[in-house]
Amino acid sequence: MPLTADRKKALRTLGHNLKPVVTVAGKGLSEGVLEELNRALEDHELIKVKLMVADRELRHQIIGELCEKSGAELIQEIGKIALIYRAAQKPNARLSNLLR
């Protein structure tokens, strides 16, 4: 179910002060990156991903693939940073960026 514009705005506000927790570099989306991405999304729900890729079109493609494979939704993309969200199955109040 897609997020509403108001919900995306609220998530962008929460994500403003977050630091990237996952970095995608020259090797692209490896199994290790996807595993770490899924772990981070389950723990934090709202995360920033840094893409160390120079080509803009390739960055858009990687972000789309990231969201598709993880079941997450893109909230915002600015330069080489993407803010993505996926609701956790069992949110942990100590780790979640939404429940703190």
PDB file of N, CA and C in Angstrom:
ATOM      1  N   MET A   1       0.838  -1.170   0.000  1.00  0.00           N
ATOM      2  CA  MET A   1       0.000   0.000   0.000  1.00  0.00           C
ATOM      3  C   MET A   1       0.890   1.243   0.000  1.00  0.00           C
ATOM      4  N   PRO A   2       0.756   2.098  -1.005  1.00  0.00           N
ATOM      5  CA  PRO A   2       1.611   3.292  -1.080  1.00  0.00           C
ATOM      6  C   PRO A   2       1.328   4.276   0.054  1.00  0.00           C
ATOM      7  N   LEU A   3       2.358   5.000   0.420  1.00  0.00           N
ATOM      8  CA  LEU A   3       2.232   5.998   1.473  1.00  0.00           C
ATOM      9  C   LEU A   3       1.587   7.267   0.945  1.00  0.00           C
ATOM     10  N   THR A   4       0.876   7.961   1.817  1.00  0.00           N
ATOM     11  CA  THR A   4       0.268   9.231   1.432  1.00  0.00           C
ATOM     12  C   THR A   4       1.339  10.317   1.418  1.00  0.00           C
ATOM     13  N   ALA A   5       1.027  11.429   0.797  1.00  0.00           N
ATOM     14  CA  ALA A   5       1.971  12.553   0.724  1.00  0.00           C
ATOM     15  C   ALA A   5       2.285  13.095   2.122  1.00  0.00           C
ATOM     16  N   ASP A   6       1.286  13.140   2.993  1.00  0.00           N
ATOM     17  CA  ASP A   6       1.515  13.633   4.358  1.00  0.00           C
ATOM     18  C   ASP A   6       2.444  12.701   5.136  1.00  0.00           C
ATOM     19  N   ARG A   7       2.257  11.395   4.959  1.00  0.00           N
ATOM     20  CA  ARG A   7       3.098  10.425   5.654  1.00  0.00           C
ATOM     21  C   ARG A   7       4.537  10.507   5.141  1.00  0.00           C
ATOM     22  N   LYS A   8       4.710  10.674   3.830  1.00  0.00           N
ATOM     23  CA  LYS A   8       6.052  10.825   3.264  1.00  0.00           C
ATOM     24  C   LYS A   8       6.726  12.085   3.798  1.00  0.00           C
ATOM     25  N   LYS A   9       5.963  13.149   3.927  1.00  0.00           N
ATOM     26  CA  LYS A   9       6.517  14.402   4.461  1.00  0.00           C
ATOM     27  C   LYS A   9       6.986  14.200   5.899  1.00  0.00           C
ATOM     28  N   ALA A  10       6.192  13.498   6.696  1.00  0.00           N
ATOM     29  CA  ALA A  10       6.569  13.226   8.086  1.00  0.00           C
ATOM     30  C   ALA A  10       7.825  12.350   8.140  1.00  0.00           C
ATOM     31  N   LEU A  11       7.925  11.371   7.268  1.00  0.00           N
ATOM     32  CA  LEU A  11       9.104  10.508   7.234  1.00  0.00           C
ATOM     33  C   LEU A  11      10.347  11.271   6.774  1.00  0.00           C
ATOM     34  N   ARG A  12      10.188  12.188   5.824  1.00  0.00           N
ATOM     35  CA  ARG A  12      11.321  13.027   5.393  1.00  0.00           C
ATOM     36  C   ARG A  12      11.819  13.869   6.564  1.00  0.00           C
ATOM     37  N   THR A  13      10.903  14.379   7.361  1.00  0.00           N
ATOM     38  CA  THR A  13      11.272  15.180   8.528  1.00  0.00           C
ATOM     39  C   THR A  13      12.071  14.330   9.513  1.00  0.00           C
ATOM     40  N   LEU A  14      11.606  13.115   9.785  1.00  0.00           N
ATOM     41  CA  LEU A  14      12.326  12.220  10.694  1.00  0.00           C
ATOM     42  C   LEU A  14      13.682  11.811  10.131  1.00  0.00           C
ATOM     43  N   GLY A  15      13.771  11.637   8.833  1.00  0.00           N
ATOM     44  CA  GLY A  15      14.999  11.189   8.202  1.00  0.00           C
ATOM     45  C   GLY A  15      16.058  12.248   8.035  1.00  0.00           C
ATOM     46  N   HIS A  16      15.684  13.504   8.247  1.00  0.00           N
ATOM     47  CA  HIS A  16      16.613  14.618   8.021  1.00  0.00           C
ATOM     48  C   HIS A  16      17.918  14.458   8.796  1.00  0.00           C
ATOM     49  N   ASN A  17      17.847  14.069  10.062  1.00  0.00           N
ATOM     50  CA  ASN A  17      19.048  13.994  10.899  1.00  0.00           C
ATOM     51  C   ASN A  17      19.701  12.623  10.919  1.00  0.00           C
ATOM     52  N   LEU A  18      19.194  11.674  10.155  1.00  0.00           N
ATOM     53  CA  LEU A  18      19.777  10.332  10.133  1.00  0.00           C
ATOM     54  C   LEU A  18      21.073  10.300   9.323  1.00  0.00           C
ATOM     55  N   LYS A  19      21.938   9.389   9.691  1.00  0.00           N
ATOM     56  CA  LYS A  19      23.172   9.150   8.946  1.00  0.00           C
ATOM     57  C   LYS A  19      22.975   7.882   8.103  1.00  0.00           C
ATOM     58  N   PRO A  20      23.636   7.766   6.966  1.00  0.00           N
ATOM     59  CA  PRO A  20      23.523   6.549   6.159  1.00  0.00           C
ATOM     60  C   PRO A  20      24.026   5.325   6.930  1.00  0.00           C
ATOM     61  N   VAL A  21      23.259   4.235   6.878  1.00  0.00           N
ATOM     62  CA  VAL A  21      23.656   3.011   7.571  1.00  0.00           C
ATOM     63  C   VAL A  21      24.082   1.911   6.598  1.00  0.00           C
ATOM     64  N   VAL A  22      23.767   2.077   5.330  1.00  0.00           N
ATOM     65  CA  VAL A  22      24.156   1.117   4.299  1.00  0.00           C
ATOM     66  C   VAL A  22      24.802   1.896   3.161  1.00  0.00           C
ATOM     67  N   THR A  23      25.914   1.364   2.644  1.00  0.00           N
ATOM     68  CA  THR A  23      26.598   1.992   1.521  1.00  0.00           C
ATOM     69  C   THR A  23      26.695   0.996   0.373  1.00  0.00           C
ATOM     70  N   VAL A  24      26.297   1.453  -0.807  1.00  0.00           N
ATOM     71  CA  VAL A  24      26.432   0.656  -2.017  1.00  0.00           C
ATOM     72  C   VAL A  24      27.585   1.260  -2.810  1.00  0.00           C
ATOM     73  N   ALA A  25      28.616   0.460  -3.054  1.00  0.00           N
ATOM     74  CA  ALA A  25      29.797   0.965  -3.752  1.00  0.00           C
ATOM     75  C   ALA A  25      29.883   0.379  -5.157  1.00  0.00           C
ATOM     76  N   GLY A  26      31.059   0.340  -5.699  1.00  0.00           N
ATOM     77  CA  GLY A  26      31.294  -0.057  -7.076  1.00  0.00           C
ATOM     78  C   GLY A  26      30.823  -1.449  -7.458  1.00  0.00           C
ATOM     79  N   LYS A  27      30.767  -2.376  -6.521  1.00  0.00           N
ATOM     80  CA  LYS A  27      30.346  -3.741  -6.840  1.00  0.00           C
ATOM     81  C   LYS A  27      28.833  -3.865  -6.952  1.00  0.00           C
ATOM     82  N   GLY A  28      28.112  -2.814  -6.604  1.00  0.00           N
ATOM     83  CA  GLY A  28      26.655  -2.836  -6.745  1.00  0.00           C
ATOM     84  C   GLY A  28      25.973  -3.601  -5.636  1.00  0.00           C
ATOM     85  N   LEU A  29      24.856  -4.228  -5.982  1.00  0.00           N
ATOM     86  CA  LEU A  29      24.035  -4.928  -4.999  1.00  0.00           C
ATOM     87  C   LEU A  29      24.488  -6.378  -4.837  1.00  0.00           C
ATOM     88  N   SER A  30      25.374  -6.588  -3.914  1.00  0.00           N
ATOM     89  CA  SER A  30      25.814  -7.952  -3.626  1.00  0.00           C
ATOM     90  C   SER A  30      24.870  -8.556  -2.589  1.00  0.00           C
ATOM     91  N   GLU A  31      25.021  -9.838  -2.343  1.00  0.00           N
ATOM     92  CA  GLU A  31      24.192 -10.506  -1.337  1.00  0.00           C
ATOM     93  C   GLU A  31      24.419  -9.896   0.038  1.00  0.00           C
ATOM     94  N   GLY A  32      25.660  -9.534   0.346  1.00  0.00           N
ATOM     95  CA  GLY A  32      25.982  -8.926   1.638  1.00  0.00           C
ATOM     96  C   GLY A  32      25.291  -7.589   1.834  1.00  0.00           C
ATOM     97  N   VAL A  33      25.254  -6.791   0.785  1.00  0.00           N
ATOM     98  CA  VAL A  33      24.586  -5.484   0.864  1.00  0.00           C
ATOM     99  C   VAL A  33      23.094  -5.676   1.084  1.00  0.00           C
ATOM    100  N   LEU A  34      22.486  -6.593   0.357  1.00  0.00           N
ATOM    101  CA  LEU A  34      21.044  -6.839   0.514  1.00  0.00           C
ATOM    102  C   LEU A  34      20.727  -7.395   1.898  1.00  0.00           C
ATOM    103  N   GLU A  35      21.592  -8.252   2.413  1.00  0.00           N
ATOM    104  CA  GLU A  35      21.403  -8.798   3.753  1.00  0.00           C
ATOM    105  C   GLU A  35      21.465  -7.688   4.800  1.00  0.00           C
ATOM    106  N   GLU A  36      22.455  -6.827   4.685  1.00  0.00           N
ATOM    107  CA  GLU A  36      22.600  -5.707   5.628  1.00  0.00           C
ATOM    108  C   GLU A  36      21.439  -4.726   5.496  1.00  0.00           C
ATOM    109  N   LEU A  37      20.985  -4.482   4.275  1.00  0.00           N
ATOM    110  CA  LEU A  37      19.853  -3.597   4.040  1.00  0.00           C
ATOM    111  C   LEU A  37      18.601  -4.139   4.726  1.00  0.00           C
ATOM    112  N   ASN A  38      18.326  -5.419   4.561  1.00  0.00           N
ATOM    113  CA  ASN A  38      17.147  -6.026   5.194  1.00  0.00           C
ATOM    114  C   ASN A  38      17.246  -5.996   6.709  1.00  0.00           C
ATOM    115  N   ARG A  39      18.444  -6.239   7.252  1.00  0.00           N
ATOM    116  CA  ARG A  39      18.631  -6.169   8.695  1.00  0.00           C
ATOM    117  C   ARG A  39      18.381  -4.756   9.217  1.00  0.00           C
ATOM    118  N   ALA A  40      18.937  -3.769   8.512  1.00  0.00           N
ATOM    119  CA  ALA A  40      18.773  -2.373   8.924  1.00  0.00           C
ATOM    120  C   ALA A  40      17.310  -1.930   8.838  1.00  0.00           C
ATOM    121  N   LEU A  41      16.620  -2.336   7.782  1.00  0.00           N
ATOM    122  CA  LEU A  41      15.202  -1.979   7.650  1.00  0.00           C
ATOM    123  C   LEU A  41      14.364  -2.629   8.741  1.00  0.00           C
ATOM    124  N   GLU A  42      14.669  -3.867   9.095  1.00  0.00           N
ATOM    125  CA  GLU A  42      13.913  -4.547  10.151  1.00  0.00           C
ATOM    126  C   GLU A  42      14.173  -3.889  11.502  1.00  0.00           C
ATOM    127  N   ASP A  43      15.409  -3.453  11.746  1.00  0.00           N
ATOM    128  CA  ASP A  43      15.745  -2.807  13.010  1.00  0.00           C
ATOM    129  C   ASP A  43      15.231  -1.373  13.084  1.00  0.00           C
ATOM    130  N   HIS A  44      15.474  -0.580  12.038  1.00  0.00           N
ATOM    131  CA  HIS A  44      15.249   0.866  12.094  1.00  0.00           C
ATOM    132  C   HIS A  44      14.024   1.358  11.327  1.00  0.00           C
ATOM    133  N   GLU A  45      13.509   0.605  10.389  1.00  0.00           N
ATOM    134  CA  GLU A  45      12.355   0.925   9.553  1.00  0.00           C
ATOM    135  C   GLU A  45      12.610   2.054   8.550  1.00  0.00           C
ATOM    136  N   LEU A  46      13.219   3.133   8.975  1.00  0.00           N
ATOM    137  CA  LEU A  46      13.527   4.279   8.121  1.00  0.00           C
ATOM    138  C   LEU A  46      15.037   4.454   8.114  1.00  0.00           C
ATOM    139  N   ILE A  47      15.667   4.310   6.932  1.00  0.00           N
ATOM    140  CA  ILE A  47      17.127   4.391   6.868  1.00  0.00           C
ATOM    141  C   ILE A  47      17.570   5.203   5.655  1.00  0.00           C
ATOM    142  N   LYS A  48      18.807   5.662   5.739  1.00  0.00           N
ATOM    143  CA  LYS A  48      19.456   6.307   4.602  1.00  0.00           C
ATOM    144  C   LYS A  48      20.459   5.343   4.007  1.00  0.00           C
ATOM    145  N   VAL A  49      20.520   5.338   2.684  1.00  0.00           N
ATOM    146  CA  VAL A  49      21.467   4.507   1.949  1.00  0.00           C
ATOM    147  C   VAL A  49      22.338   5.435   1.113  1.00  0.00           C
ATOM    148  N   LYS A  50      23.647   5.264   1.209  1.00  0.00           N
ATOM    149  CA  LYS A  50      24.575   6.071   0.426  1.00  0.00           C
ATOM    150  C   LYS A  50      25.021   5.263  -0.784  1.00  0.00           C
ATOM    151  N   LEU A  51      24.945   5.860  -1.951  1.00  0.00           N
ATOM    152  CA  LEU A  51      25.323   5.195  -3.190  1.00  0.00           C
ATOM    153  C   LEU A  51      26.589   5.846  -3.738  1.00  0.00           C
ATOM    154  N   MET A  52      27.676   5.105  -3.715  1.00  0.00           N
ATOM    155  CA  MET A  52      28.960   5.619  -4.198  1.00  0.00           C
ATOM    156  C   MET A  52      29.105   5.292  -5.682  1.00  0.00           C
ATOM    157  N   VAL A  53      28.146   5.777  -6.473  1.00  0.00           N
ATOM    158  CA  VAL A  53      28.104   5.528  -7.911  1.00  0.00           C
ATOM    159  C   VAL A  53      28.020   6.889  -8.597  1.00  0.00           C
ATOM    160  N   ALA A  54      28.909   7.155  -9.543  1.00  0.00           N
ATOM    161  CA  ALA A  54      28.970   8.461 -10.180  1.00  0.00           C
ATOM    162  C   ALA A  54      27.841   8.697 -11.188  1.00  0.00           C
ATOM    163  N   ASP A  55      27.446   7.676 -11.918  1.00  0.00           N
ATOM    164  CA  ASP A  55      26.451   7.821 -12.977  1.00  0.00           C
ATOM    165  C   ASP A  55      25.042   7.940 -12.393  1.00  0.00           C
ATOM    166  N   ARG A  56      24.362   9.025 -12.702  1.00  0.00           N
ATOM    167  CA  ARG A  56      23.029   9.315 -12.166  1.00  0.00           C
ATOM    168  C   ARG A  56      22.002   8.249 -12.560  1.00  0.00           C
ATOM    169  N   GLU A  57      22.003   7.854 -13.815  1.00  0.00           N
ATOM    170  CA  GLU A  57      21.037   6.849 -14.287  1.00  0.00           C
ATOM    171  C   GLU A  57      21.255   5.504 -13.592  1.00  0.00           C
ATOM    172  N   LEU A  58      22.504   5.145 -13.395  1.00  0.00           N
ATOM    173  CA  LEU A  58      22.811   3.902 -12.703  1.00  0.00           C
ATOM    174  C   LEU A  58      22.369   3.967 -11.244  1.00  0.00           C
ATOM    175  N   ARG A  59      22.534   5.132 -10.611  1.00  0.00           N
ATOM    176  CA  ARG A  59      22.056   5.311  -9.234  1.00  0.00           C
ATOM    177  C   ARG A  59      20.551   5.101  -9.148  1.00  0.00           C
ATOM    178  N   HIS A  60      19.787   5.699 -10.087  1.00  0.00           N
ATOM    179  CA  HIS A  60      18.326   5.524 -10.095  1.00  0.00           C
ATOM    180  C   HIS A  60      17.963   4.053 -10.260  1.00  0.00           C
ATOM    181  N   GLN A  61      18.685   3.370 -11.119  1.00  0.00           N
ATOM    182  CA  GLN A  61      18.432   1.955 -11.365  1.00  0.00           C
ATOM    183  C   GLN A  61      18.714   1.129 -10.097  1.00  0.00           C
ATOM    184  N   ILE A  62      19.819   1.415  -9.429  1.00  0.00           N
ATOM    185  CA  ILE A  62      20.183   0.678  -8.219  1.00  0.00           C
ATOM    186  C   ILE A  62      19.176   0.939  -7.108  1.00  0.00           C
ATOM    187  N   ILE A  63      18.728   2.177  -6.963  1.00  0.00           N
ATOM    188  CA  ILE A  63      17.737   2.497  -5.933  1.00  0.00           C
ATOM    189  C   ILE A  63      16.434   1.752  -6.201  1.00  0.00           C
ATOM    190  N   GLY A  64      16.007   1.723  -7.452  1.00  0.00           N
ATOM    191  CA  GLY A  64      14.799   0.986  -7.804  1.00  0.00           C
ATOM    192  C   GLY A  64      14.935  -0.492  -7.491  1.00  0.00           C
ATOM    193  N   GLU A  65      16.097  -1.044  -7.798  1.00  0.00           N
ATOM    194  CA  GLU A  65      16.353  -2.456  -7.535  1.00  0.00           C
ATOM    195  C   GLU A  65      16.413  -2.729  -6.034  1.00  0.00           C
ATOM    196  N   LEU A  66      17.030  -1.802  -5.288  1.00  0.00           N
ATOM    197  CA  LEU A  66      17.083  -1.917  -3.827  1.00  0.00           C
ATOM    198  C   LEU A  66      15.682  -2.001  -3.236  1.00  0.00           C
ATOM    199  N   CYS A  67      14.835  -1.069  -3.638  1.00  0.00           N
ATOM    200  CA  CYS A  67      13.474  -1.015  -3.112  1.00  0.00           C
ATOM    201  C   CYS A  67      12.677  -2.250  -3.515  1.00  0.00           C
ATOM    202  N   GLU A  68      12.848  -2.684  -4.739  1.00  0.00           N
ATOM    203  CA  GLU A  68      12.110  -3.847  -5.233  1.00  0.00           C
ATOM    204  C   GLU A  68      12.508  -5.116  -4.482  1.00  0.00           C
ATOM    205  N   LYS A  69      13.810  -5.334  -4.313  1.00  0.00           N
ATOM    206  CA  LYS A  69      14.289  -6.565  -3.673  1.00  0.00           C
ATOM    207  C   LYS A  69      14.041  -6.586  -2.174  1.00  0.00           C
ATOM    208  N   SER A  70      13.969  -5.408  -1.543  1.00  0.00           N
ATOM    209  CA  SER A  70      13.771  -5.371  -0.096  1.00  0.00           C
ATOM    210  C   SER A  70      12.314  -5.145   0.293  1.00  0.00           C
ATOM    211  N   GLY A  71      11.484  -4.774  -0.663  1.00  0.00           N
ATOM    212  CA  GLY A  71      10.084  -4.498  -0.346  1.00  0.00           C
ATOM    213  C   GLY A  71       9.900  -3.146   0.330  1.00  0.00           C
ATOM    214  N   ALA A  72      10.885  -2.274   0.163  1.00  0.00           N
ATOM    215  CA  ALA A  72      10.841  -0.953   0.792  1.00  0.00           C
ATOM    216  C   ALA A  72      10.289   0.081  -0.187  1.00  0.00           C
ATOM    217  N   GLU A  73       9.990   1.250   0.344  1.00  0.00           N
ATOM    218  CA  GLU A  73       9.488   2.334  -0.489  1.00  0.00           C
ATOM    219  C   GLU A  73      10.447   3.521  -0.417  1.00  0.00           C
ATOM    220  N   LEU A  74      10.745   4.096  -1.562  1.00  0.00           N
ATOM    221  CA  LEU A  74      11.616   5.262  -1.629  1.00  0.00           C
ATOM    222  C   LEU A  74      10.853   6.473  -1.132  1.00  0.00           C
ATOM    223  N   ILE A  75      11.409   7.147  -0.148  1.00  0.00           N
ATOM    224  CA  ILE A  75      10.784   8.348   0.407  1.00  0.00           C
ATOM    225  C   ILE A  75      11.386   9.585  -0.237  1.00  0.00           C
ATOM    226  N   GLN A  76      12.702   9.597  -0.363  1.00  0.00           N
ATOM    227  CA  GLN A  76      13.380  10.774  -0.904  1.00  0.00           C
ATOM    228  C   GLN A  76      14.739  10.366  -1.460  1.00  0.00           C
ATOM    229  N   GLU A  77      15.137  11.061  -2.505  1.00  0.00           N
ATOM    230  CA  GLU A  77      16.460  10.850  -3.088  1.00  0.00           C
ATOM    231  C   GLU A  77      17.084  12.216  -3.337  1.00  0.00           C
ATOM    232  N   ILE A  78      18.217  12.450  -2.703  1.00  0.00           N
ATOM    233  CA  ILE A  78      18.942  13.703  -2.899  1.00  0.00           C
ATOM    234  C   ILE A  78      20.394  13.344  -3.173  1.00  0.00           C
ATOM    235  N   GLY A  79      20.847  13.644  -4.377  1.00  0.00           N
ATOM    236  CA  GLY A  79      22.221  13.336  -4.750  1.00  0.00           C
ATOM    237  C   GLY A  79      22.504  11.862  -4.650  1.00  0.00           C
ATOM    238  N   LYS A  80      23.473  11.511  -3.813  1.00  0.00           N
ATOM    239  CA  LYS A  80      23.881  10.111  -3.670  1.00  0.00           C
ATOM    240  C   LYS A  80      23.280   9.447  -2.432  1.00  0.00           C
ATOM    241  N   ILE A  81      22.288  10.086  -1.822  1.00  0.00           N
ATOM    242  CA  ILE A  81      21.647   9.562  -0.611  1.00  0.00           C
ATOM    243  C   ILE A  81      20.176   9.275  -0.901  1.00  0.00           C
ATOM    244  N   ALA A  82      19.740   8.077  -0.512  1.00  0.00           N
ATOM    245  CA  ALA A  82      18.335   7.701  -0.654  1.00  0.00           C
ATOM    246  C   ALA A  82      17.766   7.404   0.731  1.00  0.00           C
ATOM    247  N   LEU A  83      16.582   7.892   0.999  1.00  0.00           N
ATOM    248  CA  LEU A  83      15.864   7.631   2.243  1.00  0.00           C
ATOM    249  C   LEU A  83      14.779   6.616   1.922  1.00  0.00           C
ATOM    250  N   ILE A  84      14.853   5.449   2.566  1.00  0.00           N
ATOM    251  CA  ILE A  84      13.870   4.410   2.269  1.00  0.00           C
ATOM    252  C   ILE A  84      13.190   3.936   3.550  1.00  0.00           C
ATOM    253  N   TYR A  85      11.978   3.402   3.378  1.00  0.00           N
ATOM    254  CA  TYR A  85      11.145   2.993   4.504  1.00  0.00           C
ATOM    255  C   TYR A  85      10.507   1.640   4.236  1.00  0.00           C
ATOM    256  N   ARG A  86      10.492   0.822   5.270  1.00  0.00           N
ATOM    257  CA  ARG A  86       9.727  -0.417   5.252  1.00  0.00           C
ATOM    258  C   ARG A  86       9.312  -0.694   6.686  1.00  0.00           C
ATOM    259  N   ALA A  87       8.010  -0.884   6.895  1.00  0.00           N
ATOM    260  CA  ALA A  87       7.503  -1.164   8.229  1.00  0.00           C
ATOM    261  C   ALA A  87       8.055  -2.507   8.717  1.00  0.00           C
ATOM    262  N   ALA A  88       8.481  -2.553   9.967  1.00  0.00           N
ATOM    263  CA  ALA A  88       9.022  -3.780  10.548  1.00  0.00           C
ATOM    264  C   ALA A  88       7.884  -4.707  10.946  1.00  0.00           C
ATOM    265  N   GLN A  89       8.142  -6.007  10.877  1.00  0.00           N
ATOM    266  CA  GLN A  89       7.137  -6.974  11.285  1.00  0.00           C
ATOM    267  C   GLN A  89       6.935  -6.925  12.797  1.00  0.00           C
ATOM    268  N   LYS A  90       8.029  -6.800  13.537  1.00  0.00           N
ATOM    269  CA  LYS A  90       7.973  -6.664  14.996  1.00  0.00           C
ATOM    270  C   LYS A  90       8.847  -5.477  15.388  1.00  0.00           C
ATOM    271  N   PRO A  91       8.281  -4.263  15.405  1.00  0.00           N
ATOM    272  CA  PRO A  91       9.094  -3.079  15.710  1.00  0.00           C
ATOM    273  C   PRO A  91       9.710  -3.137  17.108  1.00  0.00           C
ATOM    274  N   ASN A  92      10.954  -2.749  17.212  1.00  0.00           N
ATOM    275  CA  ASN A  92      11.666  -2.664  18.469  1.00  0.00           C
ATOM    276  C   ASN A  92      11.785  -1.185  18.828  1.00  0.00           C
ATOM    277  N   ALA A  93      11.164  -0.778  19.912  1.00  0.00           N
ATOM    278  CA  ALA A  93      11.133   0.634  20.290  1.00  0.00           C
ATOM    279  C   ALA A  93      12.527   1.202  20.541  1.00  0.00           C
ATOM    280  N   ARG A  94      13.472   0.358  20.953  1.00  0.00           N
ATOM    281  CA  ARG A  94      14.823   0.849  21.207  1.00  0.00           C
ATOM    282  C   ARG A  94      15.604   1.119  19.941  1.00  0.00           C
ATOM    283  N   LEU A  95      15.282   0.423  18.848  1.00  0.00           N
ATOM    284  CA  LEU A  95      16.045   0.550  17.613  1.00  0.00           C
ATOM    285  C   LEU A  95      15.342   1.369  16.531  1.00  0.00           C
ATOM    286  N   SER A  96      14.035   1.363  16.513  1.00  0.00           N
ATOM    287  CA  SER A  96      13.284   2.000  15.445  1.00  0.00           C
ATOM    288  C   SER A  96      13.481   3.508  15.428  1.00  0.00           C
ATOM    289  N   ASN A  97      13.666   4.055  14.239  1.00  0.00           N
ATOM    290  CA  ASN A  97      13.778   5.510  14.087  1.00  0.00           C
ATOM    291  C   ASN A  97      12.405   6.180  14.167  1.00  0.00           C
ATOM    292  N   LEU A  98      11.346   5.399  14.092  1.00  0.00           N
ATOM    293  CA  LEU A  98       9.987   5.954  14.130  1.00  0.00           C
ATOM    294  C   LEU A  98       9.396   5.985  15.529  1.00  0.00           C
ATOM    295  N   LEU A  99       9.832   5.096  16.395  1.00  0.00           N
ATOM    296  CA  LEU A  99       9.241   4.966  17.742  1.00  0.00           C
ATOM    297  C   LEU A  99      10.004   5.668  18.825  1.00  0.00           C
ATOM    298  N   ARG A 100      11.143   6.234  18.513  1.00  0.00           N
ATOM    299  CA  ARG A 100      11.949   6.920  19.537  1.00  0.00           C
ATOM    300  C   ARG A 100      11.365   8.254  19.876  1.00  0.00           C
TER     301      ARG A 100
END
